[in-house]
């Protein structure tokens, strides 16, 4: 295509207004060198349609200076294509609540505590049960108290049994009431002893 003949230096010479009128088809044909020639001021004018035209490989080349507005334009396919190294705290913080629901369970289980903390309040009833034991154990008391009734109710019995005593004691009165009968039955003796009088 003619687009492929444009050099990175020529792309650098484009003004933001010129970049803003490129079609989705033209942008999707950009090579890696062409994509990296886009400066931050040019990336900032890209529309939702233009951002959605990029492959995840192309988009990843812009992550270091992709504005939060543009991150919010990412499509479900692009979200699903994110690798763990691409899911930085900054990027995850810029995702819309709806975009977080697009993350697959395979992506969720690769998240480290700092990454998980950013999206925890927005995880769905299908994402919560996917959390690994090590991820649940890493949740702070504050994070435990932010779990919604819906999120708590979908914890598997196995996930309930690995809650630490400190995490159990962090549960609010309302949260304890939201536990299912199956979850209550799954509590270990140590967890039951950990319940405070107030709880």
N, C-alpha and C. Protein backbone atom coordinates (compact mmCIF):
# COMPACT_ATOMS: atom_id res chain seq x y z
N UNK A 1 0.83 -1.20 0.00
CA UNK A 1 0.00 0.00 0.00
C UNK A 1 0.87 1.25 0.00
N UNK A 2 0.28 2.37 -0.38
CA UNK A 2 1.03 3.63 -0.38
C UNK A 2 1.42 4.04 1.03
N UNK A 3 0.56 3.72 1.99
CA UNK A 3 0.84 4.07 3.38
C UNK A 3 2.16 3.48 3.85
N UNK A 4 2.42 2.26 3.42
CA UNK A 4 3.64 1.57 3.85
C UNK A 4 4.91 2.24 3.33
N UNK A 5 4.76 3.09 2.31
CA UNK A 5 5.92 3.77 1.74
C UNK A 5 6.29 5.04 2.50
N UNK A 6 5.41 5.47 3.38
CA UNK A 6 5.69 6.68 4.16
C UNK A 6 6.77 6.36 5.18
N UNK A 7 7.80 7.15 5.24
CA UNK A 7 8.90 6.88 6.17
C UNK A 7 8.57 7.39 7.57
N UNK A 8 9.22 6.84 8.58
CA UNK A 8 9.01 7.34 9.95
C UNK A 8 9.28 8.83 10.08
N UNK A 9 10.30 9.31 9.36
CA UNK A 9 10.62 10.75 9.41
C UNK A 9 9.47 11.58 8.85
N UNK A 10 8.83 11.05 7.81
CA UNK A 10 7.70 11.78 7.23
C UNK A 10 6.51 11.79 8.19
N UNK A 11 6.32 10.67 8.88
CA UNK A 11 5.23 10.60 9.86
C UNK A 11 5.49 11.59 11.00
N UNK A 12 6.74 11.70 11.38
CA UNK A 12 7.11 12.65 12.43
C UNK A 12 6.81 14.08 12.00
N UNK A 13 6.84 14.31 10.69
CA UNK A 13 6.60 15.66 10.17
C UNK A 13 5.11 15.98 10.08
N UNK A 14 4.26 14.95 10.17
CA UNK A 14 2.81 15.18 10.14
C UNK A 14 2.39 16.02 11.35
N UNK A 15 1.43 16.86 11.17
CA UNK A 15 0.87 17.61 12.29
C UNK A 15 -0.21 16.75 12.96
N UNK A 16 -0.55 17.04 14.21
CA UNK A 16 -1.63 16.30 14.88
C UNK A 16 -2.94 16.31 14.08
N UNK A 17 -3.24 17.45 13.48
CA UNK A 17 -4.49 17.55 12.71
C UNK A 17 -4.46 16.63 11.49
N UNK A 18 -3.27 16.44 10.90
CA UNK A 18 -3.16 15.52 9.77
C UNK A 18 -3.33 14.07 10.23
N UNK A 19 -2.75 13.77 11.38
CA UNK A 19 -2.89 12.41 11.93
C UNK A 19 -4.35 12.11 12.26
N UNK A 20 -5.05 13.11 12.73
CA UNK A 20 -6.43 12.91 13.17
C UNK A 20 -7.38 12.53 12.04
N UNK A 21 -6.99 12.78 10.78
CA UNK A 21 -7.88 12.46 9.67
C UNK A 21 -7.51 11.15 8.97
N UNK A 22 -6.46 10.49 9.45
CA UNK A 22 -6.10 9.19 8.87
C UNK A 22 -7.21 8.18 9.17
N UNK A 23 -7.52 7.33 8.24
CA UNK A 23 -8.58 6.35 8.44
C UNK A 23 -8.08 5.18 9.27
N UNK A 24 -9.02 4.41 9.78
CA UNK A 24 -8.66 3.21 10.56
C UNK A 24 -7.84 2.25 9.70
N UNK A 25 -8.21 2.14 8.45
CA UNK A 25 -7.49 1.25 7.54
C UNK A 25 -6.05 1.68 7.31
N UNK A 26 -5.84 2.99 7.20
CA UNK A 26 -4.49 3.51 7.01
C UNK A 26 -3.62 3.26 8.24
N UNK A 27 -4.18 3.49 9.41
CA UNK A 27 -3.41 3.30 10.65
C UNK A 27 -3.09 1.83 10.90
N UNK A 28 -4.04 0.95 10.59
CA UNK A 28 -3.81 -0.47 10.83
C UNK A 28 -2.71 -1.02 9.92
N UNK A 29 -2.41 -0.29 8.85
CA UNK A 29 -1.36 -0.72 7.91
C UNK A 29 0.01 -0.20 8.32
N UNK A 30 0.07 0.60 9.38
CA UNK A 30 1.35 1.14 9.84
C UNK A 30 2.28 0.01 10.30
N UNK A 31 3.55 0.14 9.97
CA UNK A 31 4.55 -0.80 10.48
C UNK A 31 4.95 -0.38 11.88
N UNK A 32 5.73 -1.21 12.54
CA UNK A 32 6.19 -0.87 13.90
C UNK A 32 6.98 0.43 13.91
N UNK A 33 7.85 0.61 12.91
CA UNK A 33 8.65 1.83 12.84
C UNK A 33 7.78 3.06 12.61
N UNK A 34 6.71 2.88 11.86
CA UNK A 34 5.80 4.00 11.62
C UNK A 34 5.02 4.35 12.89
N UNK A 35 4.60 3.32 13.61
CA UNK A 35 3.85 3.55 14.84
C UNK A 35 4.71 4.29 15.86
N UNK A 36 5.95 3.87 16.01
CA UNK A 36 6.82 4.50 17.01
C UNK A 36 7.22 5.92 16.61
N UNK A 37 6.95 6.28 15.35
CA UNK A 37 7.24 7.65 14.91
C UNK A 37 6.15 8.62 15.37
N UNK A 38 5.05 8.07 15.89
CA UNK A 38 3.97 8.93 16.38
C UNK A 38 4.36 9.50 17.75
N UNK A 39 4.46 10.79 17.83
CA UNK A 39 4.81 11.43 19.11
C UNK A 39 3.56 11.54 19.98
N UNK A 40 3.76 11.86 21.25
CA UNK A 40 2.65 11.88 22.20
C UNK A 40 1.55 12.87 21.81
N UNK A 41 1.94 14.02 21.21
CA UNK A 41 0.92 15.00 20.83
C UNK A 41 0.06 14.49 19.68
N UNK A 42 0.64 13.61 18.85
CA UNK A 42 -0.12 13.02 17.75
C UNK A 42 -1.03 11.90 18.27
N UNK A 43 -0.52 11.12 19.21
CA UNK A 43 -1.31 10.04 19.79
C UNK A 43 -2.51 10.62 20.53
N UNK A 44 -2.33 11.79 21.13
CA UNK A 44 -3.38 12.40 21.94
C UNK A 44 -4.61 12.80 21.12
N UNK A 45 -4.46 12.92 19.81
CA UNK A 45 -5.61 13.33 18.99
C UNK A 45 -6.32 12.14 18.34
N UNK A 46 -5.79 10.93 18.56
CA UNK A 46 -6.41 9.75 17.95
C UNK A 46 -7.80 9.52 18.52
N UNK A 47 -8.72 9.18 17.65
CA UNK A 47 -10.10 8.94 18.07
C UNK A 47 -10.29 7.50 18.51
N UNK A 48 -11.48 7.21 19.04
CA UNK A 48 -11.80 5.85 19.47
C UNK A 48 -11.72 4.88 18.29
N UNK A 49 -12.19 5.30 17.13
CA UNK A 49 -12.15 4.45 15.94
C UNK A 49 -10.72 4.18 15.51
N UNK A 50 -9.87 5.20 15.60
CA UNK A 50 -8.47 5.03 15.21
C UNK A 50 -7.73 4.11 16.18
N UNK A 51 -7.94 4.31 17.47
CA UNK A 51 -7.29 3.46 18.47
C UNK A 51 -7.71 2.01 18.28
N UNK A 52 -8.99 1.79 18.04
CA UNK A 52 -9.52 0.43 17.88
C UNK A 52 -8.97 -0.26 16.64
N UNK A 53 -8.43 0.52 15.71
CA UNK A 53 -7.90 -0.05 14.47
C UNK A 53 -6.53 -0.69 14.67
N UNK A 54 -5.83 -0.28 15.70
CA UNK A 54 -4.50 -0.82 15.96
C UNK A 54 -4.58 -2.27 16.46
N UNK A 55 -3.60 -3.05 16.10
CA UNK A 55 -3.46 -4.38 16.70
C UNK A 55 -2.86 -4.17 18.08
N UNK A 56 -2.92 -5.18 18.93
CA UNK A 56 -2.33 -5.04 20.26
C UNK A 56 -0.82 -4.85 20.16
N UNK A 57 -0.20 -5.41 19.14
CA UNK A 57 1.25 -5.24 18.93
C UNK A 57 1.56 -3.78 18.61
N UNK A 58 0.75 -3.19 17.74
CA UNK A 58 0.96 -1.78 17.41
C UNK A 58 0.71 -0.90 18.64
N UNK A 59 -0.37 -1.18 19.32
CA UNK A 59 -0.75 -0.35 20.46
C UNK A 59 0.27 -0.42 21.58
N UNK A 60 0.86 -1.60 21.76
CA UNK A 60 1.83 -1.77 22.85
C UNK A 60 3.05 -0.87 22.67
N UNK A 61 3.32 -0.48 21.43
CA UNK A 61 4.46 0.40 21.16
C UNK A 61 4.19 1.82 21.65
N UNK A 62 2.93 2.12 21.94
CA UNK A 62 2.54 3.46 22.38
C UNK A 62 2.25 3.53 23.87
N UNK A 63 2.26 2.39 24.55
CA UNK A 63 1.83 2.34 25.95
C UNK A 63 2.59 3.28 26.88
N UNK A 64 3.85 3.53 26.57
CA UNK A 64 4.65 4.36 27.47
C UNK A 64 4.14 5.79 27.57
N UNK A 65 3.42 6.25 26.54
CA UNK A 65 2.88 7.61 26.61
C UNK A 65 1.45 7.70 26.07
N UNK A 66 0.72 6.61 26.17
CA UNK A 66 -0.67 6.61 25.73
C UNK A 66 -1.54 7.27 26.80
N UNK A 67 -2.19 8.38 26.47
CA UNK A 67 -3.03 9.07 27.47
C UNK A 67 -4.17 8.19 27.95
N UNK A 68 -4.64 8.43 29.17
CA UNK A 68 -5.72 7.63 29.73
C UNK A 68 -6.98 7.68 28.87
N UNK A 69 -7.21 8.81 28.22
CA UNK A 69 -8.37 8.93 27.35
C UNK A 69 -8.30 7.92 26.22
N UNK A 70 -7.10 7.77 25.64
CA UNK A 70 -6.94 6.83 24.54
C UNK A 70 -7.02 5.38 25.02
N UNK A 71 -6.54 5.12 26.23
CA UNK A 71 -6.63 3.77 26.79
C UNK A 71 -8.10 3.38 26.96
N UNK A 72 -8.92 4.36 27.29
CA UNK A 72 -10.35 4.09 27.46
C UNK A 72 -11.03 3.76 26.14
N UNK A 73 -10.33 3.98 25.03
CA UNK A 73 -10.88 3.67 23.71
C UNK A 73 -10.58 2.23 23.29
N UNK A 74 -9.75 1.53 24.05
CA UNK A 74 -9.34 0.18 23.64
C UNK A 74 -10.54 -0.75 23.51
N UNK A 75 -10.52 -1.55 22.47
CA UNK A 75 -11.63 -2.45 22.20
C UNK A 75 -11.52 -3.73 23.02
N UNK A 76 -12.60 -4.51 23.11
CA UNK A 76 -12.53 -5.80 23.83
C UNK A 76 -11.42 -6.70 23.32
N UNK A 77 -11.23 -6.76 22.00
CA UNK A 77 -10.19 -7.62 21.42
C UNK A 77 -8.81 -7.16 21.87
N UNK A 78 -8.62 -5.84 21.92
CA UNK A 78 -7.32 -5.31 22.36
C UNK A 78 -7.10 -5.60 23.85
N UNK A 79 -8.13 -5.48 24.65
CA UNK A 79 -8.02 -5.75 26.09
C UNK A 79 -7.65 -7.22 26.31
N UNK A 80 -8.33 -8.10 25.60
CA UNK A 80 -8.07 -9.54 25.73
C UNK A 80 -6.65 -9.88 25.30
N UNK A 81 -6.09 -9.07 24.41
CA UNK A 81 -4.74 -9.34 23.90
C UNK A 81 -3.62 -8.83 24.78
N UNK A 82 -3.94 -8.13 25.86
CA UNK A 82 -2.90 -7.58 26.74
C UNK A 82 -2.13 -8.69 27.45
N UNK A 83 -0.82 -8.54 27.48
CA UNK A 83 0.02 -9.46 28.24
C UNK A 83 0.21 -8.89 29.64
N UNK A 84 0.75 -9.69 30.55
CA UNK A 84 0.94 -9.21 31.92
C UNK A 84 1.87 -8.01 31.96
N UNK A 85 2.94 -8.04 31.18
CA UNK A 85 3.90 -6.93 31.20
C UNK A 85 3.28 -5.64 30.67
N UNK A 86 2.28 -5.78 29.81
CA UNK A 86 1.60 -4.60 29.28
C UNK A 86 0.57 -4.05 30.27
N UNK A 87 0.08 -4.91 31.16
CA UNK A 87 -0.92 -4.48 32.13
C UNK A 87 -0.27 -3.81 33.32
N UNK A 88 0.31 -2.65 33.07
CA UNK A 88 0.95 -1.89 34.15
C UNK A 88 -0.14 -1.30 35.04
N UNK A 89 0.26 -0.88 36.23
CA UNK A 89 -0.69 -0.25 37.15
C UNK A 89 -1.29 0.99 36.50
N UNK A 90 -0.46 1.74 35.77
CA UNK A 90 -0.93 2.96 35.11
C UNK A 90 -1.99 2.64 34.06
N UNK A 91 -1.73 1.60 33.27
CA UNK A 91 -2.69 1.23 32.22
C UNK A 91 -3.98 0.71 32.84
N UNK A 92 -3.86 -0.18 33.82
CA UNK A 92 -5.05 -0.74 34.46
C UNK A 92 -5.88 0.35 35.14
N UNK A 93 -5.20 1.35 35.68
CA UNK A 93 -5.90 2.45 36.34
C UNK A 93 -6.70 3.29 35.36
N UNK A 94 -6.32 3.25 34.10
CA UNK A 94 -6.98 4.06 33.07
C UNK A 94 -8.12 3.32 32.38
N UNK A 95 -8.24 2.03 32.64
CA UNK A 95 -9.32 1.26 32.02
C UNK A 95 -10.67 1.65 32.60
N UNK A 96 -11.67 1.66 31.76
CA UNK A 96 -13.03 1.88 32.24
C UNK A 96 -13.53 0.62 32.93
N UNK A 97 -14.53 0.75 33.77
CA UNK A 97 -15.07 -0.42 34.48
C UNK A 97 -15.53 -1.49 33.50
N UNK A 98 -16.15 -1.08 32.40
CA UNK A 98 -16.60 -2.05 31.40
C UNK A 98 -15.43 -2.77 30.76
N UNK A 99 -14.32 -2.05 30.55
CA UNK A 99 -13.15 -2.67 29.93
C UNK A 99 -12.54 -3.74 30.84
N UNK A 100 -12.60 -3.51 32.14
CA UNK A 100 -12.06 -4.48 33.10
C UNK A 100 -12.80 -5.81 33.00
N UNK A 101 -14.08 -5.73 32.68
CA UNK A 101 -14.86 -6.98 32.57
C UNK A 101 -14.42 -7.81 31.37
N UNK A 102 -13.68 -7.21 30.44
CA UNK A 102 -13.21 -7.95 29.26
C UNK A 102 -11.98 -8.81 29.58
N UNK A 103 -11.29 -8.51 30.68
CA UNK A 103 -10.09 -9.28 31.03
C UNK A 103 -10.48 -10.74 31.26
N UNK A 104 -9.71 -11.63 30.68
CA UNK A 104 -10.02 -13.06 30.83
C UNK A 104 -9.48 -13.58 32.16
N UNK A 105 -9.98 -14.71 32.58
CA UNK A 105 -9.49 -15.32 33.82
C UNK A 105 -8.02 -15.66 33.72
N UNK A 106 -7.58 -16.01 32.52
CA UNK A 106 -6.15 -16.33 32.32
C UNK A 106 -5.31 -15.09 32.58
N UNK A 107 -5.82 -13.92 32.18
CA UNK A 107 -5.10 -12.67 32.45
C UNK A 107 -5.16 -12.33 33.93
N UNK A 108 -6.32 -12.53 34.54
CA UNK A 108 -6.53 -12.18 35.95
C UNK A 108 -5.54 -12.92 36.85
N UNK A 109 -5.34 -14.20 36.61
CA UNK A 109 -4.49 -15.00 37.51
C UNK A 109 -3.01 -14.67 37.39
N UNK A 110 -2.64 -13.86 36.39
CA UNK A 110 -1.23 -13.48 36.25
C UNK A 110 -0.92 -12.18 36.99
N UNK A 111 -1.95 -11.53 37.52
CA UNK A 111 -1.76 -10.22 38.13
C UNK A 111 -1.07 -10.29 39.49
N UNK A 112 -0.13 -9.40 39.69
CA UNK A 112 0.54 -9.27 40.99
C UNK A 112 -0.33 -8.39 41.90
N UNK A 113 -0.06 -8.39 43.21
CA UNK A 113 -0.90 -7.62 44.15
C UNK A 113 -1.15 -6.18 43.75
N UNK A 114 -0.11 -5.47 43.30
CA UNK A 114 -0.28 -4.06 42.93
C UNK A 114 -1.21 -3.89 41.74
N UNK A 115 -1.10 -4.83 40.79
CA UNK A 115 -1.97 -4.77 39.62
C UNK A 115 -3.42 -5.10 40.01
N UNK A 116 -3.56 -6.14 40.81
CA UNK A 116 -4.89 -6.59 41.21
C UNK A 116 -5.62 -5.53 42.03
N UNK A 117 -4.87 -4.82 42.85
CA UNK A 117 -5.47 -3.81 43.73
C UNK A 117 -6.21 -2.73 42.94
N UNK A 118 -5.71 -2.44 41.75
CA UNK A 118 -6.29 -1.38 40.93
C UNK A 118 -7.67 -1.76 40.41
N UNK A 119 -7.86 -3.03 40.08
CA UNK A 119 -9.11 -3.44 39.43
C UNK A 119 -10.02 -4.27 40.34
N UNK A 120 -9.56 -4.59 41.54
CA UNK A 120 -10.33 -5.46 42.44
C UNK A 120 -11.79 -5.02 42.63
N UNK A 121 -12.04 -3.73 42.85
CA UNK A 121 -13.44 -3.32 43.08
C UNK A 121 -14.38 -3.59 41.90
N UNK A 122 -13.79 -3.81 40.73
CA UNK A 122 -14.62 -3.94 39.53
C UNK A 122 -14.65 -5.35 38.95
N UNK A 123 -14.00 -6.30 39.62
CA UNK A 123 -14.01 -7.67 39.11
C UNK A 123 -15.43 -8.24 39.19
N UNK A 124 -15.78 -9.00 38.17
CA UNK A 124 -17.14 -9.53 38.07
C UNK A 124 -17.29 -10.86 38.79
N UNK A 125 -18.51 -11.35 38.82
CA UNK A 125 -18.81 -12.61 39.49
C UNK A 125 -18.21 -13.81 38.77
N UNK A 126 -17.74 -13.62 37.55
CA UNK A 126 -17.04 -14.71 36.85
C UNK A 126 -15.53 -14.59 36.99
N UNK A 127 -15.05 -13.40 37.32
CA UNK A 127 -13.60 -13.19 37.48
C UNK A 127 -13.13 -13.51 38.89
N UNK A 128 -13.92 -13.18 39.90
CA UNK A 128 -13.54 -13.41 41.30
C UNK A 128 -13.20 -14.88 41.58
N UNK A 129 -14.02 -15.84 41.14
CA UNK A 129 -13.71 -17.25 41.43
C UNK A 129 -12.41 -17.74 40.81
N UNK A 130 -11.87 -16.97 39.86
CA UNK A 130 -10.62 -17.38 39.19
C UNK A 130 -9.38 -17.01 39.99
N UNK A 131 -9.53 -16.14 40.98
CA UNK A 131 -8.37 -15.69 41.75
C UNK A 131 -7.66 -16.86 42.42
N UNK A 132 -6.35 -16.84 42.35
CA UNK A 132 -5.54 -17.89 42.96
C UNK A 132 -5.44 -17.69 44.48
N UNK A 133 -5.11 -18.76 45.18
CA UNK A 133 -4.94 -18.68 46.64
C UNK A 133 -3.95 -17.57 47.02
N UNK A 134 -2.83 -17.53 46.29
CA UNK A 134 -1.78 -16.56 46.62
C UNK A 134 -2.27 -15.13 46.41
N UNK A 135 -3.17 -14.93 45.44
CA UNK A 135 -3.71 -13.60 45.20
C UNK A 135 -4.68 -13.20 46.31
N UNK A 136 -5.48 -14.14 46.76
CA UNK A 136 -6.43 -13.85 47.83
C UNK A 136 -5.69 -13.59 49.14
N UNK A 137 -4.68 -14.39 49.43
CA UNK A 137 -3.90 -14.21 50.66
C UNK A 137 -3.19 -12.86 50.70
N UNK A 138 -2.91 -12.31 49.52
CA UNK A 138 -2.18 -11.05 49.45
C UNK A 138 -3.08 -9.83 49.65
N UNK A 139 -4.40 -10.06 49.69
CA UNK A 139 -5.32 -8.93 49.87
C UNK A 139 -5.20 -8.36 51.28
N UNK A 140 -5.11 -7.06 51.36
CA UNK A 140 -5.01 -6.41 52.66
C UNK A 140 -6.39 -6.34 53.33
N UNK A 141 -6.40 -6.01 54.59
CA UNK A 141 -7.66 -5.88 55.32
C UNK A 141 -8.55 -4.82 54.67
N UNK A 142 -7.92 -3.73 54.24
CA UNK A 142 -8.68 -2.66 53.57
C UNK A 142 -9.32 -3.16 52.29
N UNK A 143 -8.55 -3.95 51.53
CA UNK A 143 -9.08 -4.48 50.28
C UNK A 143 -10.23 -5.46 50.54
N UNK A 144 -10.09 -6.23 51.60
CA UNK A 144 -11.15 -7.19 51.95
C UNK A 144 -12.46 -6.45 52.24
N UNK A 145 -12.35 -5.35 52.95
CA UNK A 145 -13.56 -4.60 53.33
C UNK A 145 -14.22 -3.93 52.12
N UNK A 146 -13.47 -3.78 51.01
CA UNK A 146 -14.06 -3.14 49.84
C UNK A 146 -14.79 -4.14 48.93
N UNK A 147 -14.64 -5.42 49.21
CA UNK A 147 -15.34 -6.42 48.40
C UNK A 147 -16.85 -6.25 48.55
N UNK A 148 -17.54 -6.28 47.45
CA UNK A 148 -19.00 -6.12 47.51
C UNK A 148 -19.65 -7.43 47.94
N UNK A 149 -20.93 -7.35 48.28
CA UNK A 149 -21.66 -8.55 48.66
C UNK A 149 -21.69 -9.56 47.52
N UNK A 150 -21.82 -9.05 46.31
CA UNK A 150 -21.84 -9.94 45.13
C UNK A 150 -20.50 -10.63 44.96
N UNK A 151 -19.41 -9.88 45.14
CA UNK A 151 -18.08 -10.46 45.00
C UNK A 151 -17.82 -11.53 46.06
N UNK A 152 -18.21 -11.23 47.30
CA UNK A 152 -18.01 -12.19 48.38
C UNK A 152 -18.83 -13.46 48.16
N UNK A 153 -20.03 -13.29 47.67
CA UNK A 153 -20.94 -14.42 47.49
C UNK A 153 -20.46 -15.41 46.44
N UNK A 154 -19.58 -14.96 45.53
CA UNK A 154 -19.12 -15.87 44.48
C UNK A 154 -17.74 -16.47 44.78
N UNK A 155 -17.19 -16.15 45.94
CA UNK A 155 -15.95 -16.83 46.34
C UNK A 155 -16.24 -18.32 46.46
N UNK A 156 -15.37 -19.12 45.93
CA UNK A 156 -15.57 -20.56 46.04
C UNK A 156 -15.31 -21.00 47.48
N UNK A 157 -15.79 -22.17 47.83
CA UNK A 157 -15.56 -22.67 49.19
C UNK A 157 -14.07 -22.79 49.49
N UNK A 158 -13.31 -23.19 48.48
CA UNK A 158 -11.86 -23.32 48.66
C UNK A 158 -11.25 -21.94 48.92
N UNK A 159 -11.70 -20.94 48.18
CA UNK A 159 -11.19 -19.58 48.39
C UNK A 159 -11.52 -19.09 49.80
N UNK A 160 -12.69 -19.43 50.28
CA UNK A 160 -13.09 -19.02 51.64
C UNK A 160 -12.18 -19.64 52.68
N UNK A 161 -11.84 -20.89 52.50
CA UNK A 161 -11.02 -21.58 53.50
C UNK A 161 -9.60 -21.05 53.59
N UNK A 162 -9.13 -20.37 52.55
CA UNK A 162 -7.75 -19.88 52.61
C UNK A 162 -7.66 -18.42 53.08
N UNK A 163 -8.81 -17.83 53.42
CA UNK A 163 -8.77 -16.49 54.01
C UNK A 163 -8.04 -16.56 55.35
N UNK A 164 -7.14 -15.63 55.56
CA UNK A 164 -6.39 -15.62 56.81
C UNK A 164 -7.26 -15.11 57.95
N UNK A 165 -6.83 -15.35 59.17
CA UNK A 165 -7.58 -14.87 60.34
C UNK A 165 -7.73 -13.34 60.31
N UNK A 166 -6.68 -12.66 59.88
CA UNK A 166 -6.72 -11.20 59.80
C UNK A 166 -7.75 -10.75 58.76
N UNK A 167 -7.82 -11.49 57.65
CA UNK A 167 -8.81 -11.15 56.62
C UNK A 167 -10.23 -11.43 57.12
N UNK A 168 -10.39 -12.52 57.84
CA UNK A 168 -11.71 -12.86 58.41
C UNK A 168 -12.16 -11.75 59.37
N UNK A 169 -11.24 -11.29 60.19
CA UNK A 169 -11.57 -10.25 61.18
C UNK A 169 -11.85 -8.91 60.51
N UNK A 170 -11.38 -8.74 59.26
CA UNK A 170 -11.61 -7.49 58.54
C UNK A 170 -13.01 -7.42 57.94
N UNK A 171 -13.67 -8.56 57.83
CA UNK A 171 -15.02 -8.58 57.25
C UNK A 171 -15.99 -7.77 58.09
N UNK A 172 -16.79 -6.98 57.42
CA UNK A 172 -17.79 -6.18 58.13
C UNK A 172 -19.02 -7.04 58.44
N UNK A 173 -19.88 -6.51 59.29
CA UNK A 173 -21.12 -7.21 59.65
C UNK A 173 -21.94 -7.53 58.39
N UNK A 174 -22.04 -6.54 57.49
CA UNK A 174 -22.81 -6.73 56.26
C UNK A 174 -22.18 -7.78 55.36
N UNK A 175 -20.85 -7.81 55.31
CA UNK A 175 -20.17 -8.79 54.47
C UNK A 175 -20.39 -10.21 54.99
N UNK A 176 -20.32 -10.38 56.30
CA UNK A 176 -20.52 -11.71 56.88
C UNK A 176 -21.94 -12.19 56.59
N UNK A 177 -22.88 -11.27 56.66
CA UNK A 177 -24.26 -11.65 56.37
C UNK A 177 -24.47 -12.06 54.91
N UNK A 178 -23.59 -11.57 54.04
CA UNK A 178 -23.73 -11.89 52.61
C UNK A 178 -23.14 -13.25 52.25
N UNK A 179 -22.39 -13.86 53.18
CA UNK A 179 -21.81 -15.18 52.90
C UNK A 179 -22.93 -16.21 52.76
N UNK A 180 -22.75 -17.10 51.82
CA UNK A 180 -23.76 -18.14 51.61
C UNK A 180 -23.64 -19.22 52.68
N UNK A 181 -24.65 -20.04 52.80
CA UNK A 181 -24.61 -21.13 53.79
C UNK A 181 -23.48 -22.10 53.47
N UNK A 182 -23.22 -22.29 52.19
CA UNK A 182 -22.12 -23.18 51.78
C UNK A 182 -20.77 -22.60 52.20
N UNK A 183 -20.62 -21.28 52.07
CA UNK A 183 -19.38 -20.63 52.47
C UNK A 183 -19.20 -20.68 53.98
N UNK A 184 -20.27 -20.48 54.72
CA UNK A 184 -20.21 -20.56 56.18
C UNK A 184 -19.79 -21.96 56.61
N UNK A 185 -20.34 -22.95 55.94
CA UNK A 185 -20.00 -24.35 56.28
C UNK A 185 -18.55 -24.67 55.95
N UNK A 186 -17.97 -23.89 55.01
CA UNK A 186 -16.59 -24.14 54.59
C UNK A 186 -15.56 -23.52 55.54
N UNK A 187 -16.01 -22.63 56.42
CA UNK A 187 -15.07 -21.99 57.35
C UNK A 187 -14.38 -23.02 58.22
N UNK A 188 -13.09 -22.83 58.41
CA UNK A 188 -12.33 -23.75 59.25
C UNK A 188 -12.53 -23.39 60.72
N UNK A 189 -12.14 -24.28 61.59
CA UNK A 189 -12.25 -24.03 63.03
C UNK A 189 -11.46 -22.78 63.41
N UNK A 190 -10.27 -22.66 62.84
CA UNK A 190 -9.43 -21.50 63.14
C UNK A 190 -10.10 -20.20 62.69
N UNK A 191 -10.77 -20.24 61.53
CA UNK A 191 -11.44 -19.04 61.04
C UNK A 191 -12.63 -18.67 61.93
N UNK A 192 -13.35 -19.68 62.40
CA UNK A 192 -14.50 -19.42 63.27
C UNK A 192 -14.02 -18.80 64.59
N UNK A 193 -12.92 -19.33 65.13
CA UNK A 193 -12.37 -18.77 66.36
C UNK A 193 -11.88 -17.34 66.16
N UNK A 194 -11.51 -17.02 64.90
CA UNK A 194 -10.97 -15.68 64.61
C UNK A 194 -12.05 -14.62 64.57
N UNK A 195 -13.30 -15.04 64.43
CA UNK A 195 -14.40 -14.07 64.39
C UNK A 195 -14.45 -13.27 65.70
N UNK A 196 -14.58 -11.98 65.55
CA UNK A 196 -14.62 -11.13 66.75
C UNK A 196 -16.04 -11.11 67.32
N UNK A 197 -16.18 -10.64 68.55
CA UNK A 197 -17.49 -10.57 69.20
C UNK A 197 -18.41 -9.64 68.42
N UNK A 198 -17.83 -8.56 67.89
CA UNK A 198 -18.63 -7.58 67.13
C UNK A 198 -19.19 -8.23 65.88
N UNK A 199 -18.37 -9.10 65.24
CA UNK A 199 -18.84 -9.78 64.04
C UNK A 199 -19.95 -10.74 64.38
